[in-house]
């Protein structure tokens, strides 16, 4: 009984746990820029829970196991420019952003440089899910193929949760699954860098000028240098348009730097292209020999309209073996388009949504969170 009393007494209160976790987060780089008018060096701990949320093991393991198949799916879809154009042409009629991405994909696919089988493409993808309460199934919300964020801070928050559960509940190191997203992202970028094999080159991180999520990005840059001695340079799309050019070999040079890998942490939203200069910067990257993370084709493969089309019967089998298609389809929720209101099935869906709006989410052709109507 004495041992039990001691264990109970050692458990921290919620307030103590919160204060200790804030200190731990600051010590271990689990932070974001404060933003606003604050100095750039001013930080605050990233939004976090103090303890991990209990989650059933089986769907978690299923999500881990299906991810390599989803990666192959993105790659296969990205290589089928006719499919991308057929799926996205309806959205492009009303959305300049999608139209510009399609035009850029057509232009770069037509160049010999982009059709060369030696082109190096990098995918850093994040598949988002929700656990469906009635069925207990894990259903995919979306698959992010450009600027997938919080891999670094997600890895660190897992360490915080392991630290807190060990102290708070006596759980061992296996109580919280390890999160290697930061290390794996760095490995992917370093592998691409070595595959391109340009002397005295850098990884170009494409960013926003006032980036609140700077530290999630900077962890990757720090690890690239500490582990592989690869330097990272941060530039906006406008910077690249102003400072960049292609040399006689098609290599991208930005200022004094030759670029081996272009890693996008921006460029997924129309807000990132306020002028034509940003599109000029994106076009320079796409036209170069640099490995892209992602290419514009990978970007398009992750759009909502493509997600909806892949959920239609028989479409996955165009890109995956039947067994892999079966596994992927288990994660799909119901997805319907509204481009053909004369279609009887679409009419039934619309009527159902009007009668029971709480059952549906209206999703636009956008990335970066938010934007949905509930």
Protein backbone atom coordinates (compact mmCIF):
# COMPACT_ATOMS: atom_id res chain seq x y z
CA UNK A 1 0.00 0.00 0.00
CA UNK A 2 2.87 2.36 0.75
CA UNK A 3 4.16 1.96 -2.80
CA UNK A 4 0.71 2.68 -4.23
CA UNK A 5 0.34 5.81 -2.08
CA UNK A 6 3.73 7.02 -3.27
CA UNK A 7 2.76 6.48 -6.90
CA UNK A 8 -0.47 8.41 -6.43
CA UNK A 9 1.33 11.24 -4.68
CA UNK A 10 3.86 11.53 -7.52
CA UNK A 11 1.18 12.22 -10.11
CA UNK A 12 1.23 15.88 -11.04
CA UNK A 13 -1.85 18.07 -11.04
CA UNK A 14 -3.15 19.36 -14.36
CA UNK A 15 -1.62 22.77 -13.66
CA UNK A 16 1.76 21.27 -12.78
CA UNK A 17 1.65 19.07 -15.86
CA UNK A 18 0.82 22.06 -18.05
CA UNK A 19 3.66 24.19 -16.68
CA UNK A 20 6.18 21.36 -16.92
CA UNK A 21 5.07 20.61 -20.49
CA UNK A 22 5.42 24.26 -21.54
CA UNK A 23 8.95 24.30 -20.12
CA UNK A 24 9.76 20.98 -21.83
CA UNK A 25 8.39 22.27 -25.14
CA UNK A 26 10.55 25.39 -24.97
CA UNK A 27 13.63 23.36 -24.04
CA UNK A 28 13.13 20.90 -26.90
CA UNK A 29 12.08 23.21 -29.73
CA UNK A 30 8.37 22.38 -29.72
CA UNK A 31 7.63 26.02 -30.54
CA UNK A 32 6.22 28.42 -33.10
CA UNK A 33 6.85 32.09 -33.80
CA UNK A 34 4.58 34.32 -31.78
CA UNK A 35 3.63 36.28 -34.92
CA UNK A 36 1.89 39.61 -35.20
CA UNK A 37 4.05 42.61 -34.30
CA UNK A 38 6.33 40.53 -32.05
CA UNK A 39 10.04 40.19 -32.82
CA UNK A 40 10.85 37.24 -35.07
CA UNK A 41 12.76 35.55 -32.25
CA UNK A 42 9.71 35.62 -29.96
CA UNK A 43 8.24 32.12 -29.64
CA UNK A 44 5.41 30.31 -27.93
CA UNK A 45 4.91 26.60 -27.39
CA UNK A 46 3.06 24.88 -30.21
CA UNK A 47 -0.59 23.95 -29.58
CA UNK A 48 -0.49 20.55 -27.89
CA UNK A 49 -2.29 18.17 -25.63
CA UNK A 50 -0.54 17.31 -22.38
CA UNK A 51 -1.17 13.59 -22.80
CA UNK A 52 -1.80 11.48 -25.91
CA UNK A 53 -5.36 10.78 -26.93
CA UNK A 54 -6.23 7.08 -26.58
CA UNK A 55 -6.69 5.54 -30.01
CA UNK A 56 -7.53 1.97 -31.07
CA UNK A 57 -4.44 0.09 -32.21
CA UNK A 58 -5.90 -1.78 -35.18
CA UNK A 59 -6.90 1.23 -37.35
CA UNK A 60 -3.64 2.96 -36.40
CA UNK A 61 -1.62 0.00 -37.66
CA UNK A 62 -3.78 -0.14 -40.80
CA UNK A 63 -3.05 3.53 -41.54
CA UNK A 64 0.69 2.94 -41.19
CA UNK A 65 0.56 -0.11 -43.45
CA UNK A 66 -1.48 1.56 -46.21
CA UNK A 67 0.76 4.64 -46.50
CA UNK A 68 3.32 3.11 -48.90
CA UNK A 69 0.44 2.14 -51.19
CA UNK A 70 -0.91 5.69 -51.09
CA UNK A 71 2.55 6.98 -51.99
CA UNK A 72 2.65 4.70 -55.04
CA UNK A 73 -0.86 5.86 -55.94
CA UNK A 74 0.19 9.53 -55.92
CA UNK A 75 3.17 8.75 -58.12
CA UNK A 76 1.08 6.77 -60.61
CA UNK A 77 -1.63 9.43 -60.81
CA UNK A 78 0.96 12.20 -61.26
CA UNK A 79 2.35 10.44 -64.34
CA UNK A 80 -1.03 10.34 -66.07
CA UNK A 81 -1.39 13.92 -67.29
CA UNK A 82 -4.44 13.02 -69.41
CA UNK A 83 -6.24 11.74 -66.29
CA UNK A 84 -5.34 14.86 -64.31
CA UNK A 85 -6.58 17.12 -67.08
CA UNK A 86 -9.86 15.21 -67.52
CA UNK A 87 -10.60 15.27 -63.78
CA UNK A 88 -9.59 18.87 -63.12
CA UNK A 89 -10.79 20.59 -66.29
CA UNK A 90 -14.22 21.29 -64.78
CA UNK A 91 -12.65 22.95 -61.72
CA UNK A 92 -10.23 24.87 -63.95
CA UNK A 93 -13.15 26.52 -65.76
CA UNK A 94 -14.10 28.38 -62.58
CA UNK A 95 -10.84 28.43 -60.61
CA UNK A 96 -7.83 30.30 -62.00
CA UNK A 97 -5.51 28.66 -59.48
CA UNK A 98 -6.30 25.14 -60.71
CA UNK A 99 -6.14 26.35 -64.32
CA UNK A 100 -2.67 27.81 -63.75
CA UNK A 101 -1.41 24.61 -62.15
CA UNK A 102 -2.73 22.54 -65.05
CA UNK A 103 -1.14 24.88 -67.58
CA UNK A 104 2.17 24.69 -65.74
CA UNK A 105 2.00 20.91 -65.64
CA UNK A 106 1.30 20.76 -69.39
CA UNK A 107 4.20 23.09 -70.13
CA UNK A 108 6.75 21.23 -68.02
CA UNK A 109 5.57 17.76 -69.08
CA UNK A 110 6.05 18.82 -72.69
CA UNK A 111 9.70 19.76 -72.15
CA UNK A 112 12.34 17.09 -72.66
CA UNK A 113 13.75 17.81 -69.23
CA UNK A 114 10.52 16.79 -67.50
CA UNK A 115 9.93 13.68 -69.58
CA UNK A 116 13.44 12.42 -68.86
CA UNK A 117 13.20 9.21 -66.82
CA UNK A 118 16.12 10.40 -64.68
CA UNK A 119 14.07 13.21 -63.15
CA UNK A 120 14.15 13.06 -59.35
CA UNK A 121 10.80 13.51 -57.62
CA UNK A 122 10.30 13.61 -53.86
CA UNK A 123 7.05 12.93 -52.02
CA UNK A 124 6.59 14.05 -48.41
CA UNK A 125 2.94 13.16 -47.91
CA UNK A 126 0.56 13.31 -44.96
CA UNK A 127 -2.69 11.38 -45.05
CA UNK A 128 -5.30 12.80 -42.65
CA UNK A 129 -8.00 10.63 -41.10
CA UNK A 130 -10.91 10.73 -38.72
CA UNK A 131 -12.21 7.78 -36.74
CA UNK A 132 -15.82 7.25 -37.77
CA UNK A 133 -17.86 6.93 -34.60
CA UNK A 134 -20.73 4.70 -35.83
CA UNK A 135 -18.54 2.18 -37.69
CA UNK A 136 -15.20 2.44 -35.89
CA UNK A 137 -13.50 2.73 -39.29
CA UNK A 138 -10.67 5.09 -40.06
CA UNK A 139 -11.83 7.32 -42.94
CA UNK A 140 -9.51 9.51 -44.97
CA UNK A 141 -10.16 13.25 -44.89
CA UNK A 142 -7.50 14.17 -47.44
CA UNK A 143 -4.03 13.31 -48.69
CA UNK A 144 -1.57 16.21 -48.58
CA UNK A 145 1.08 16.15 -51.30
CA UNK A 146 2.52 19.66 -50.98
CA UNK A 147 3.98 21.51 -47.98
CA UNK A 148 2.84 18.81 -45.53
CA UNK A 149 3.53 20.43 -42.19
CA UNK A 150 4.14 19.50 -38.56
CA UNK A 151 6.23 16.43 -39.29
CA UNK A 152 8.99 17.92 -37.14
CA UNK A 153 6.86 19.18 -34.28
CA UNK A 154 4.72 16.04 -34.48
CA UNK A 155 7.83 13.95 -33.86
CA UNK A 156 8.75 16.10 -30.86
CA UNK A 157 5.27 16.11 -29.34
CA UNK A 158 5.39 12.31 -29.39
CA UNK A 159 8.53 12.55 -27.28
CA UNK A 160 6.71 14.91 -24.89
CA UNK A 161 3.82 12.47 -24.60
CA UNK A 162 6.19 9.58 -23.90
CA UNK A 163 7.88 11.73 -21.23
CA UNK A 164 4.58 12.69 -19.59
CA UNK A 165 2.97 9.25 -19.67
CA UNK A 166 6.09 7.74 -18.11
CA UNK A 167 5.90 10.19 -15.22
CA UNK A 168 2.13 10.44 -14.95
CA UNK A 169 1.06 6.85 -15.50
CA UNK A 170 4.22 4.79 -15.23
CA UNK A 171 3.99 3.72 -18.87
CA UNK A 172 7.10 2.32 -20.50
CA UNK A 173 8.80 3.68 -23.62
CA UNK A 174 6.48 1.63 -25.84
CA UNK A 175 3.37 3.27 -24.44
CA UNK A 176 3.43 5.97 -27.12
CA UNK A 177 4.23 4.92 -30.71
CA UNK A 178 7.45 6.41 -32.03
CA UNK A 179 7.07 9.16 -34.63
CA UNK A 180 9.98 9.27 -37.08
CA UNK A 181 8.46 11.82 -39.48
CA UNK A 182 11.25 14.37 -39.01
CA UNK A 183 14.04 11.83 -39.56
CA UNK A 184 12.31 10.24 -42.55
CA UNK A 185 11.66 13.61 -44.22
CA UNK A 186 15.32 14.52 -43.84
CA UNK A 187 16.38 11.14 -45.26
CA UNK A 188 14.11 11.66 -48.28
CA UNK A 189 15.48 15.13 -49.03
CA UNK A 190 19.06 14.02 -48.53
CA UNK A 191 18.53 11.02 -50.82
CA UNK A 192 17.17 13.31 -53.52
CA UNK A 193 20.07 15.71 -53.03
CA UNK A 194 22.58 12.91 -53.53
CA UNK A 195 20.67 11.56 -56.54
CA UNK A 196 20.81 14.93 -58.31
CA UNK A 197 24.54 15.09 -57.50
CA UNK A 198 25.41 18.75 -58.09
CA UNK A 199 28.59 20.03 -56.51
CA UNK A 200 28.31 22.87 -53.99
CA UNK A 201 24.51 22.86 -54.23
CA UNK A 202 21.79 23.51 -51.66
CA UNK A 203 18.28 22.51 -50.71
CA UNK A 204 15.97 25.42 -51.53
CA UNK A 205 13.10 25.66 -49.07
CA UNK A 206 10.22 27.63 -50.63
CA UNK A 207 8.57 29.59 -47.83
CA UNK A 208 6.39 32.55 -46.99
CA UNK A 209 8.04 35.80 -45.95
CA UNK A 210 6.36 35.87 -42.52
CA UNK A 211 6.18 32.21 -41.53
CA UNK A 212 4.76 31.46 -38.09
CA UNK A 213 5.58 27.76 -38.47
CA UNK A 214 9.27 28.56 -38.95
CA UNK A 215 10.57 26.11 -36.36
CA UNK A 216 8.80 23.09 -37.81
CA UNK A 217 10.63 23.93 -41.04
CA UNK A 218 13.92 24.85 -39.39
CA UNK A 219 14.20 21.46 -37.69
CA UNK A 220 14.48 19.93 -41.17
CA UNK A 221 17.14 22.42 -42.23
CA UNK A 222 19.11 21.81 -39.01
CA UNK A 223 18.99 18.04 -39.39
CA UNK A 224 20.02 18.21 -43.05
CA UNK A 225 23.15 20.07 -41.96
CA UNK A 226 23.90 18.15 -38.74
CA UNK A 227 23.45 14.68 -40.25
CA UNK A 228 24.38 15.16 -43.93
CA UNK A 229 26.24 18.53 -44.10
CA UNK A 230 23.65 19.74 -46.63
CA UNK A 231 22.90 23.46 -46.52
CA UNK A 232 19.35 24.80 -46.78
CA UNK A 233 18.44 28.24 -48.16
CA UNK A 234 15.03 29.81 -47.53
CA UNK A 235 13.45 31.83 -50.35
CA UNK A 236 9.96 33.01 -51.28
CA UNK A 237 8.58 32.44 -54.77
CA UNK A 238 9.05 36.15 -55.45
CA UNK A 239 12.70 35.89 -54.33
CA UNK A 240 13.21 32.99 -56.72
CA UNK A 241 11.68 34.94 -59.60
CA UNK A 242 13.97 37.91 -58.89
CA UNK A 243 17.20 36.05 -58.10
CA UNK A 244 16.79 32.82 -60.06
CA UNK A 245 17.79 31.69 -63.54
CA UNK A 246 18.52 28.47 -65.42
CA UNK A 247 22.08 27.83 -66.58
CA UNK A 248 23.01 26.11 -69.84
CA UNK A 249 22.49 22.70 -68.23
CA UNK A 250 19.03 23.59 -66.95
CA UNK A 251 20.21 23.84 -63.35
CA UNK A 252 18.42 26.37 -61.18
CA UNK A 253 20.67 29.05 -59.74
CA UNK A 254 19.27 31.35 -57.11
CA UNK A 255 21.65 34.14 -56.24
CA UNK A 256 24.99 32.51 -55.48
CA UNK A 257 23.47 29.07 -54.96
CA UNK A 258 22.98 26.11 -57.27
CA UNK A 259 19.79 24.26 -56.28
CA UNK A 260 19.72 20.47 -56.08
CA UNK A 261 16.34 20.12 -54.33
CA UNK A 262 13.36 22.50 -54.19
CA UNK A 263 11.29 21.71 -51.10
CA UNK A 264 7.94 23.50 -51.00
CA UNK A 265 6.57 24.73 -47.69
CA UNK A 266 4.48 27.30 -49.56
CA UNK A 267 2.76 27.54 -52.93
CA UNK A 268 -0.36 25.48 -52.17
CA UNK A 269 -2.84 28.37 -51.91
CA UNK A 270 -3.92 31.17 -54.28
CA UNK A 271 -2.89 33.60 -51.53
CA UNK A 272 0.71 32.58 -52.18
CA UNK A 273 0.50 33.98 -55.73
CA UNK A 274 -0.60 37.62 -55.35
CA UNK A 275 1.19 38.60 -58.58
CA UNK A 276 2.59 36.93 -61.67
CA UNK A 277 6.05 37.04 -60.10
CA UNK A 278 5.21 34.13 -57.83
CA UNK A 279 4.10 32.07 -60.82
CA UNK A 280 7.38 32.99 -62.55
CA UNK A 281 9.25 31.60 -59.55
CA UNK A 282 7.23 28.38 -59.57
CA UNK A 283 7.80 27.99 -63.31
CA UNK A 284 11.58 28.39 -62.90
CA UNK A 285 11.61 25.58 -60.36
CA UNK A 286 9.42 23.28 -62.43
CA UNK A 287 11.54 23.86 -65.54
CA UNK A 288 14.83 23.10 -63.80
CA UNK A 289 16.79 19.92 -63.16
CA UNK A 290 16.30 20.30 -59.41
CA UNK A 291 14.48 17.53 -57.59
CA UNK A 292 11.05 18.85 -56.65
CA UNK A 293 9.19 18.14 -53.45
CA UNK A 294 6.66 18.09 -54.96
CA UNK A 295 6.37 18.50 -58.73
CA UNK A 296 3.28 20.34 -59.90
CA UNK A 297 1.93 16.93 -61.02
CA UNK A 298 2.26 15.57 -57.45
CA UNK A 299 0.53 18.76 -56.27
CA UNK A 300 -2.39 18.15 -58.64
CA UNK A 301 -2.59 14.47 -57.67
CA UNK A 302 -3.46 15.53 -54.12
CA UNK A 303 -6.35 17.83 -55.02
CA UNK A 304 -9.90 17.28 -53.79
CA UNK A 305 -11.33 16.60 -57.25
CA UNK A 306 -8.76 13.86 -57.82
CA UNK A 307 -9.56 12.42 -54.39
CA UNK A 308 -13.24 12.34 -55.31
CA UNK A 309 -12.56 10.71 -58.68
CA UNK A 310 -10.35 8.02 -57.17
CA UNK A 311 -13.23 7.04 -54.89
CA UNK A 312 -15.42 6.17 -57.88
CA UNK A 313 -15.85 2.45 -58.69
CA UNK A 314 -13.06 1.01 -60.81
CA UNK A 315 -10.83 4.11 -60.89
CA UNK A 316 -8.23 2.98 -58.34
CA UNK A 317 -7.61 -0.13 -60.40
CA UNK A 318 -6.26 2.08 -63.19
CA UNK A 319 -3.29 2.90 -60.95
CA UNK A 320 -2.93 0.07 -58.43
CA UNK A 321 -2.98 -3.71 -58.36
CA UNK A 322 -6.38 -5.07 -57.37
CA UNK A 323 -5.28 -6.13 -53.88
CA UNK A 324 -3.73 -2.73 -53.13
CA UNK A 325 -6.82 -0.96 -54.48
CA UNK A 326 -8.96 -3.05 -52.13
CA UNK A 327 -6.89 -1.98 -49.10
CA UNK A 328 -6.93 1.71 -50.06
CA UNK A 329 -10.65 1.82 -50.75
CA UNK A 330 -11.44 0.72 -47.19
CA UNK A 331 -10.36 4.18 -46.03
CA UNK A 332 -12.54 6.18 -48.43
CA UNK A 333 -15.55 8.11 -47.19
CA UNK A 334 -18.45 9.00 -49.49
CA UNK A 335 -17.38 11.67 -51.99
CA UNK A 336 -19.62 13.36 -54.55
CA UNK A 337 -19.08 16.11 -57.11
CA UNK A 338 -21.51 18.83 -58.10
CA UNK A 339 -20.32 19.57 -61.64
CA UNK A 340 -23.15 17.65 -63.34
CA UNK A 341 -26.42 18.63 -61.69
CA UNK A 342 -28.38 16.85 -64.42
CA UNK A 343 -27.04 13.49 -63.27
CA UNK A 344 -29.73 11.56 -61.31
CA UNK A 345 -27.24 10.34 -58.69
CA UNK A 346 -25.99 13.90 -58.15
CA UNK A 347 -29.56 15.13 -57.82
CA UNK A 348 -30.28 12.51 -55.16
CA UNK A 349 -27.13 13.50 -53.28
CA UNK A 350 -28.08 17.18 -53.40
CA UNK A 351 -31.57 16.46 -52.09
CA UNK A 352 -30.15 14.31 -49.31
CA UNK A 353 -27.71 17.10 -48.37
CA UNK A 354 -30.54 19.66 -48.29
CA UNK A 355 -32.66 17.37 -46.10
CA UNK A 356 -29.80 16.28 -43.82
CA UNK A 357 -27.00 18.87 -44.04
CA UNK A 358 -25.42 17.55 -40.83
CA UNK A 359 -24.35 14.43 -42.75
CA UNK A 360 -22.25 16.32 -45.30
CA UNK A 361 -19.23 18.61 -45.63
CA UNK A 362 -18.93 20.91 -48.65
CA UNK A 363 -15.25 20.94 -49.65
CA UNK A 364 -13.69 23.38 -52.13
CA UNK A 365 -10.66 22.80 -54.34
CA UNK A 366 -8.24 24.11 -51.72
CA UNK A 367 -5.38 23.02 -49.48
CA UNK A 368 -4.03 24.31 -46.19
CA UNK A 369 -6.91 23.61 -43.82
CA UNK A 370 -10.18 25.41 -43.26
CA UNK A 371 -12.27 26.50 -46.28
CA UNK A 372 -14.97 23.87 -45.66
CA UNK A 373 -18.67 24.46 -45.06
CA UNK A 374 -20.41 22.35 -42.42
